[in-house]
């Protein structure tokens, strides 16, 4: 998904007030370690959008749903009394 990259582009074009608003929307917490390593805790639903495992699960679910829709088993009606099946 390209959403995080697009968010970063839009964020870079914002003024300080709009950056602050976006921070509140996307992030629950932002951690900056002593060595300047940045870690974040996302707000919902941004956490799912930025989580590779959640993205993989969503893609697998979509693939399975598509497969089931294409190969839907035919439903057979029960045999009616007195109707021959041609055998």
Protein backbone atom coordinates (compact mmCIF):
# COMPACT_ATOMS: atom_id res chain seq x y z
CA UNK A 1 0.00 0.00 0.00
CA UNK A 2 1.29 3.43 -0.92
CA UNK A 3 -0.73 5.30 1.70
CA UNK A 4 2.14 5.89 4.18
CA UNK A 5 4.31 7.36 1.41
CA UNK A 6 1.49 9.68 0.28
CA UNK A 7 0.86 10.76 3.87
CA UNK A 8 4.53 11.66 4.23
CA UNK A 9 4.42 13.72 1.04
CA UNK A 10 1.31 15.60 2.16
CA UNK A 11 2.76 16.07 5.65
CA UNK A 12 5.89 17.64 4.17
CA UNK A 13 3.79 20.21 2.29
CA UNK A 14 1.81 21.32 5.38
CA UNK A 15 2.42 24.32 7.61
CA UNK A 16 3.12 23.78 11.34
CA UNK A 17 -0.52 24.00 12.42
CA UNK A 18 -1.63 21.37 9.89
CA UNK A 19 1.31 19.11 10.76
CA UNK A 20 0.23 19.24 14.39
CA UNK A 21 -3.33 18.27 13.40
CA UNK A 22 -2.07 15.37 11.29
CA UNK A 23 0.13 14.19 14.14
CA UNK A 24 -2.95 14.00 16.37
CA UNK A 25 -4.88 12.06 13.72
CA UNK A 26 -2.18 9.51 12.86
CA UNK A 27 -0.14 9.03 16.03
CA UNK A 28 -1.05 8.01 19.56
CA UNK A 29 2.57 8.42 20.70
CA UNK A 30 5.88 9.38 19.09
CA UNK A 31 9.08 8.21 20.77
CA UNK A 32 12.50 9.71 20.01
CA UNK A 33 15.35 7.79 21.63
CA UNK A 34 18.67 9.29 22.76
CA UNK A 35 20.29 8.08 19.53
CA UNK A 36 17.49 9.92 17.62
CA UNK A 37 15.74 6.68 16.62
CA UNK A 38 12.05 7.38 16.05
CA UNK A 39 9.34 4.88 16.99
CA UNK A 40 5.61 5.51 16.78
CA UNK A 41 2.35 4.13 18.12
CA UNK A 42 -0.37 4.79 15.56
CA UNK A 43 -3.98 5.76 16.18
CA UNK A 44 -6.64 3.37 14.90
CA UNK A 45 -7.22 2.74 11.99
CA UNK A 46 -3.80 4.05 10.93
CA UNK A 47 -2.19 1.24 12.93
CA UNK A 48 -3.69 -1.34 10.58
CA UNK A 49 -2.78 0.65 7.48
CA UNK A 50 0.87 0.82 8.51
CA UNK A 51 1.17 -2.76 9.84
CA UNK A 52 2.71 -5.13 7.27
CA UNK A 53 1.14 -8.18 8.94
CA UNK A 54 -2.35 -6.62 8.85
CA UNK A 55 -1.84 -5.71 5.20
CA UNK A 56 -0.77 -9.29 4.42
CA UNK A 57 -3.81 -10.68 6.22
CA UNK A 58 -6.10 -8.34 4.28
CA UNK A 59 -4.54 -9.37 0.97
CA UNK A 60 -4.87 -13.07 1.85
CA UNK A 61 -8.50 -12.58 2.85
CA UNK A 62 -9.24 -10.74 -0.41
CA UNK A 63 -7.54 -13.48 -2.46
CA UNK A 64 -9.55 -16.20 -0.69
CA UNK A 65 -12.80 -14.27 -1.13
CA UNK A 66 -12.06 -13.84 -4.83
CA UNK A 67 -11.24 -17.53 -5.19
CA UNK A 68 -14.50 -18.53 -3.48
CA UNK A 69 -16.51 -16.17 -5.66
CA UNK A 70 -15.01 -17.62 -8.85
CA UNK A 71 -15.35 -21.27 -7.87
CA UNK A 72 -18.64 -21.19 -6.04
CA UNK A 73 -19.89 -24.77 -5.81
CA UNK A 74 -23.10 -25.47 -7.66
CA UNK A 75 -26.06 -26.09 -5.45
CA UNK A 76 -27.92 -29.26 -6.18
CA UNK A 77 -31.60 -29.42 -5.57
CA UNK A 78 -32.91 -32.48 -3.74
CA UNK A 79 -34.37 -35.14 -5.99
CA UNK A 80 -38.10 -34.85 -6.27
CA UNK A 81 -40.19 -37.98 -5.69
CA UNK A 82 -41.27 -39.62 -8.93
CA UNK A 83 -38.73 -37.76 -11.09
CA UNK A 84 -36.19 -39.95 -12.86
CA UNK A 85 -32.57 -38.89 -13.00
CA UNK A 86 -32.12 -40.58 -16.37
CA UNK A 87 -30.18 -43.54 -15.05
